[in-house]
Amino acid sequence: MSYLLPHLPTGWHVDQAIMSEDDRLVVIRFGRDWDETCMKQDEVLFRIADKCKNFAVFYLVDIDEVPDFNKMYELYDPCTGMSPCSFCFFFLFERWLILVMFFFRNKHIMIDLGTGNNNKINWALEDKQEMIDIIETVYRGAKKGRGLVISPKDYSTKYKY
């Protein structure tokens, strides 16, 4: 589904997408187009794009093609140098191959999901309604001038060990 959402091919295009939108939330999925987890997230984003078109716009950025933001937004792979193997398979969700970030009026909007990382969502949300709720919450908070919004759901217990 990643071919159905607009891709930003360079850092300049990413900056322009963030700066040019005045009334809608800019939702950017940073990741790798070939990654299965990214594909799942892209499908969710595509399916909700029409429902959210009045308050959000969606873009995809392949971090291998556009490495400009990898260091700035911590878009790195802790398993660097290792190919996906049985050792790394356990860390697949935590490898940050997928990141969803929010921007409003040229400002990065953070979201407190209860995970300790307020900068981004670094796992695939496969529930469309959950993603819509998060985007709507971020949009409403950003419209009020808040730089940090509280998620409608607490994800601190997302992983049950």
C-alpha atoms as a PDB file:
ATOM      1  CA  MET A   1       0.000   0.000   0.000  1.00  0.00           C
ATOM      2  CA  SER A   2       2.980   2.330   0.259  1.00  0.00           C
ATOM      3  CA  TYR A   3       2.609   3.175  -3.418  1.00  0.00           C
ATOM      4  CA  LEU A   4      -0.843   4.693  -2.743  1.00  0.00           C
ATOM      5  CA  LEU A   5       0.363   7.393  -0.351  1.00  0.00           C
ATOM      6  CA  PRO A   6       2.647  10.257  -1.437  1.00  0.00           C
ATOM      7  CA  HIS A   7       6.373   9.694  -0.953  1.00  0.00           C
ATOM      8  CA  LEU A   8       8.773  12.485  -0.114  1.00  0.00           C
ATOM      9  CA  PRO A   9      11.944  11.738  -2.122  1.00  0.00           C
ATOM     10  CA  THR A  10      14.357  14.259  -0.543  1.00  0.00           C
ATOM     11  CA  GLY A  11      14.944  16.160   2.671  1.00  0.00           C
ATOM     12  CA  TRP A  12      13.867  19.339   0.905  1.00  0.00           C
ATOM     13  CA  HIS A  13      10.497  17.768   0.076  1.00  0.00           C
ATOM     14  CA  VAL A  14      10.058  16.714   3.711  1.00  0.00           C
ATOM     15  CA  ASP A  15      10.766  20.270   4.873  1.00  0.00           C
ATOM     16  CA  GLN A  16       8.379  21.715   2.287  1.00  0.00           C
ATOM     17  CA  ALA A  17       5.603  19.302   3.305  1.00  0.00           C
ATOM     18  CA  ILE A  18       6.007  20.284   6.952  1.00  0.00           C
ATOM     19  CA  MET A  19       6.236  24.017   6.289  1.00  0.00           C
ATOM     20  CA  SER A  20       3.542  24.343   3.632  1.00  0.00           C
ATOM     21  CA  GLU A  21       0.605  22.924   5.572  1.00  0.00           C
ATOM     22  CA  ASP A  22      -1.122  25.578   7.690  1.00  0.00           C
ATOM     23  CA  ASP A  23      -4.425  24.038   8.728  1.00  0.00           C
ATOM     24  CA  ARG A  24      -3.848  20.309   8.770  1.00  0.00           C
ATOM     25  CA  LEU A  25      -1.657  17.978  10.767  1.00  0.00           C
ATOM     26  CA  VAL A  26       1.248  16.521   8.783  1.00  0.00           C
ATOM     27  CA  VAL A  27       1.653  12.816   9.555  1.00  0.00           C
ATOM     28  CA  ILE A  28       4.912  11.332   8.290  1.00  0.00           C
ATOM     29  CA  ARG A  29       5.744   7.657   8.363  1.00  0.00           C
ATOM     30  CA  PHE A  30       9.522   7.255   8.387  1.00  0.00           C
ATOM     31  CA  GLY A  31      10.625   3.733   7.604  1.00  0.00           C
ATOM     32  CA  ARG A  32      11.627   1.353   4.855  1.00  0.00           C
ATOM     33  CA  ASP A  33       9.154   0.686   2.063  1.00  0.00           C
ATOM     34  CA  TRP A  34      10.183  -2.963   1.793  1.00  0.00           C
ATOM     35  CA  ASP A  35       9.698  -3.666   5.501  1.00  0.00           C
ATOM     36  CA  GLU A  36       6.657  -5.783   6.345  1.00  0.00           C
ATOM     37  CA  THR A  37       5.826  -3.740   9.447  1.00  0.00           C
ATOM     38  CA  CYS A  38       5.951  -0.515   7.425  1.00  0.00           C
ATOM     39  CA  MET A  39       3.674  -2.053   4.829  1.00  0.00           C
ATOM     40  CA  LYS A  40       1.109  -2.863   7.520  1.00  0.00           C
ATOM     41  CA  GLN A  41       1.277   0.690   8.859  1.00  0.00           C
ATOM     42  CA  ASP A  42       1.048   2.123   5.347  1.00  0.00           C
ATOM     43  CA  GLU A  43      -2.116   0.127   4.744  1.00  0.00           C
ATOM     44  CA  VAL A  44      -3.695   1.538   7.906  1.00  0.00           C
ATOM     45  CA  LEU A  45      -2.657   5.078   6.975  1.00  0.00           C
ATOM     46  CA  PHE A  46      -4.058   4.654   3.475  1.00  0.00           C
ATOM     47  CA  ARG A  47      -7.369   3.299   4.785  1.00  0.00           C
ATOM     48  CA  ILE A  48      -7.854   6.232   7.178  1.00  0.00           C
ATOM     49  CA  ALA A  49      -6.516   8.974   4.883  1.00  0.00           C
ATOM     50  CA  ASP A  50      -9.927   9.728   3.398  1.00  0.00           C
ATOM     51  CA  LYS A  51     -11.585   9.877   6.829  1.00  0.00           C
ATOM     52  CA  CYS A  52      -8.922  12.268   8.129  1.00  0.00           C
ATOM     53  CA  LYS A  53      -8.469  14.402   4.998  1.00  0.00           C
ATOM     54  CA  ASN A  54     -10.026  17.483   6.616  1.00  0.00           C
ATOM     55  CA  PHE A  55      -7.496  17.629   9.452  1.00  0.00           C
ATOM     56  CA  ALA A  56      -4.482  15.510   8.429  1.00  0.00           C
ATOM     57  CA  VAL A  57      -2.270  14.847   5.430  1.00  0.00           C
ATOM     58  CA  PHE A  58      -0.107  11.727   5.169  1.00  0.00           C
ATOM     59  CA  TYR A  59       3.358  11.249   3.690  1.00  0.00           C
ATOM     60  CA  LEU A  60       5.865   8.429   3.556  1.00  0.00           C
ATOM     61  CA  VAL A  61       9.641   8.774   3.783  1.00  0.00           C
ATOM     62  CA  ASP A  62      12.012   5.903   3.087  1.00  0.00           C
ATOM     63  CA  ILE A  63      14.892   6.360   5.537  1.00  0.00           C
ATOM     64  CA  ASP A  64      17.342   4.644   3.179  1.00  0.00           C
ATOM     65  CA  GLU A  65      16.546   7.047   0.327  1.00  0.00           C
ATOM     66  CA  VAL A  66      16.301  10.137   2.564  1.00  0.00           C
ATOM     67  CA  PRO A  67      18.867   9.729   5.369  1.00  0.00           C
ATOM     68  CA  ASP A  68      18.826  13.473   6.186  1.00  0.00           C
ATOM     69  CA  PHE A  69      16.642  13.050   9.283  1.00  0.00           C
ATOM     70  CA  ASN A  70      17.995   9.743  10.595  1.00  0.00           C
ATOM     71  CA  LYS A  71      20.211  11.297  13.249  1.00  0.00           C
ATOM     72  CA  MET A  72      17.965  14.263  14.061  1.00  0.00           C
ATOM     73  CA  TYR A  73      14.891  12.133  14.778  1.00  0.00           C
ATOM     74  CA  GLU A  74      16.819   9.047  15.968  1.00  0.00           C
ATOM     75  CA  LEU A  75      15.743   7.002  12.969  1.00  0.00           C
ATOM     76  CA  TYR A  76      18.303   4.312  13.484  1.00  0.00           C
ATOM     77  CA  ASP A  77      18.415   0.583  13.840  1.00  0.00           C
ATOM     78  CA  PRO A  78      19.947  -0.662  17.117  1.00  0.00           C
ATOM     79  CA  CYS A  79      20.827  -3.903  15.305  1.00  0.00           C
ATOM     80  CA  THR A  80      23.055  -1.968  12.914  1.00  0.00           C
ATOM     81  CA  GLY A  81      25.270  -4.160  10.846  1.00  0.00           C
ATOM     82  CA  MET A  82      23.142  -7.230  11.384  1.00  0.00           C
ATOM     83  CA  SER A  83      20.772  -8.628   8.840  1.00  0.00           C
ATOM     84  CA  PRO A  84      17.361  -9.806  10.058  1.00  0.00           C
ATOM     85  CA  CYS A  85      18.112 -13.122  11.700  1.00  0.00           C
ATOM     86  CA  SER A  86      16.723 -15.193  14.530  1.00  0.00           C
ATOM     87  CA  PHE A  87      18.641 -13.029  17.038  1.00  0.00           C
ATOM     88  CA  CYS A  88      17.279  -9.787  15.612  1.00  0.00           C
ATOM     89  CA  PHE A  89      13.804 -11.160  14.935  1.00  0.00           C
ATOM     90  CA  PHE A  90      12.919 -10.668  18.613  1.00  0.00           C
ATOM     91  CA  PHE A  91      13.801  -7.001  18.278  1.00  0.00           C
ATOM     92  CA  LEU A  92      11.842  -6.469  15.057  1.00  0.00           C
ATOM     93  CA  PHE A  93       9.200  -4.301  16.707  1.00  0.00           C
ATOM     94  CA  GLU A  94      11.830  -2.377  18.661  1.00  0.00           C
ATOM     95  CA  ARG A  95      14.184  -1.891  15.714  1.00  0.00           C
ATOM     96  CA  TRP A  96      12.519   1.403  14.828  1.00  0.00           C
ATOM     97  CA  LEU A  97      12.066   0.424  11.237  1.00  0.00           C
ATOM     98  CA  ILE A  98       8.835   2.367  11.452  1.00  0.00           C
ATOM     99  CA  LEU A  99       8.178   5.742  12.990  1.00  0.00           C
ATOM    100  CA  VAL A 100       5.116   7.923  12.767  1.00  0.00           C
ATOM    101  CA  MET A 101       5.672  11.583  13.605  1.00  0.00           C
ATOM    102  CA  PHE A 102       3.343  14.569  13.705  1.00  0.00           C
ATOM    103  CA  PHE A 103       3.924  18.175  12.628  1.00  0.00           C
ATOM    104  CA  PHE A 104       1.618  21.183  12.772  1.00  0.00           C
ATOM    105  CA  ARG A 105       2.429  24.639  11.425  1.00  0.00           C
ATOM    106  CA  ASN A 106       6.112  23.785  11.066  1.00  0.00           C
ATOM    107  CA  LYS A 107       6.361  22.438  14.625  1.00  0.00           C
ATOM    108  CA  HIS A 108       6.994  18.899  15.782  1.00  0.00           C
ATOM    109  CA  ILE A 109       4.081  17.807  17.982  1.00  0.00           C
ATOM    110  CA  MET A 110       4.981  15.258  20.622  1.00  0.00           C
ATOM    111  CA  ILE A 111       2.570  12.703  22.041  1.00  0.00           C
ATOM    112  CA  ASP A 112       2.723  11.025  25.436  1.00  0.00           C
ATOM    113  CA  LEU A 113       1.810   7.405  24.804  1.00  0.00           C
ATOM    114  CA  GLY A 114       2.992   6.215  28.210  1.00  0.00           C
ATOM    115  CA  THR A 115       6.059   4.563  26.668  1.00  0.00           C
ATOM    116  CA  GLY A 116       8.619   7.189  27.677  1.00  0.00           C
ATOM    117  CA  ASN A 117       9.297   8.196  24.080  1.00  0.00           C
ATOM    118  CA  ASN A 118       7.188  11.272  23.377  1.00  0.00           C
ATOM    119  CA  ASN A 119       8.700  12.081  19.970  1.00  0.00           C
ATOM    120  CA  LYS A 120       7.157   9.376  17.829  1.00  0.00           C
ATOM    121  CA  ILE A 121       5.173   6.177  17.541  1.00  0.00           C
ATOM    122  CA  ASN A 122       7.701   3.438  16.868  1.00  0.00           C
ATOM    123  CA  TRP A 123       5.466   0.441  16.295  1.00  0.00           C
ATOM    124  CA  ALA A 124       2.770  -0.354  13.775  1.00  0.00           C
ATOM    125  CA  LEU A 125      -0.738   0.499  14.896  1.00  0.00           C
ATOM    126  CA  GLU A 126      -2.934  -1.914  12.993  1.00  0.00           C
ATOM    127  CA  ASP A 127      -6.234  -0.720  14.453  1.00  0.00           C
ATOM    128  CA  LYS A 128      -7.624   1.990  12.189  1.00  0.00           C
ATOM    129  CA  GLN A 129      -9.818   3.557  14.867  1.00  0.00           C
ATOM    130  CA  GLU A 130      -6.914   3.760  17.320  1.00  0.00           C
ATOM    131  CA  MET A 131      -4.841   5.600  14.741  1.00  0.00           C
ATOM    132  CA  ILE A 132      -7.709   7.964  13.910  1.00  0.00           C
ATOM    133  CA  ASP A 133      -8.178   8.690  17.633  1.00  0.00           C
ATOM    134  CA  ILE A 134      -4.472   9.465  18.063  1.00  0.00           C
ATOM    135  CA  ILE A 135      -4.346  11.703  14.994  1.00  0.00           C
ATOM    136  CA  GLU A 136      -7.489  13.541  16.043  1.00  0.00           C
ATOM    137  CA  THR A 137      -6.132  14.030  19.577  1.00  0.00           C
ATOM    138  CA  VAL A 138      -2.823  15.351  18.259  1.00  0.00           C
ATOM    139  CA  TYR A 139      -4.637  17.675  15.860  1.00  0.00           C
ATOM    140  CA  ARG A 140      -6.920  19.091  18.565  1.00  0.00           C
ATOM    141  CA  GLY A 141      -3.989  19.632  20.931  1.00  0.00           C
ATOM    142  CA  ALA A 142      -1.889  21.241  18.213  1.00  0.00           C
ATOM    143  CA  LYS A 143      -4.748  23.595  17.268  1.00  0.00           C
ATOM    144  CA  LYS A 144      -4.773  24.747  20.912  1.00  0.00           C
ATOM    145  CA  GLY A 145      -1.037  25.458  20.746  1.00  0.00           C
ATOM    146  CA  ARG A 146       0.137  22.453  22.731  1.00  0.00           C
ATOM    147  CA  GLY A 147       3.500  20.958  21.841  1.00  0.00           C
ATOM    148  CA  LEU A 148       2.821  17.793  23.840  1.00  0.00           C
ATOM    149  CA  VAL A 149      -0.508  15.979  23.867  1.00  0.00           C
ATOM    150  CA  ILE A 150      -1.654  12.997  25.912  1.00  0.00           C
ATOM    151  CA  SER A 151      -2.671   9.897  23.979  1.00  0.00           C
ATOM    152  CA  PRO A 152      -6.286   8.750  24.335  1.00  0.00           C
ATOM    153  CA  LYS A 153      -4.930   5.314  25.254  1.00  0.00           C
ATOM    154  CA  ASP A 154      -2.045   4.373  27.548  1.00  0.00           C
ATOM    155  CA  TYR A 155       0.437   2.130  25.755  1.00  0.00           C
ATOM    156  CA  SER A 156       2.748   1.625  28.744  1.00  0.00           C
ATOM    157  CA  THR A 157       1.504  -1.941  29.066  1.00  0.00           C
ATOM    158  CA  LYS A 158       1.443  -2.639  25.328  1.00  0.00           C
ATOM    159  CA  TYR A 159       3.898  -5.495  25.680  1.00  0.00           C
ATOM    160  CA  LYS A 160       2.747  -8.063  28.213  1.00  0.00           C
ATOM    161  CA  TYR A 161       5.762 -10.075  29.293  1.00  0.00           C
END
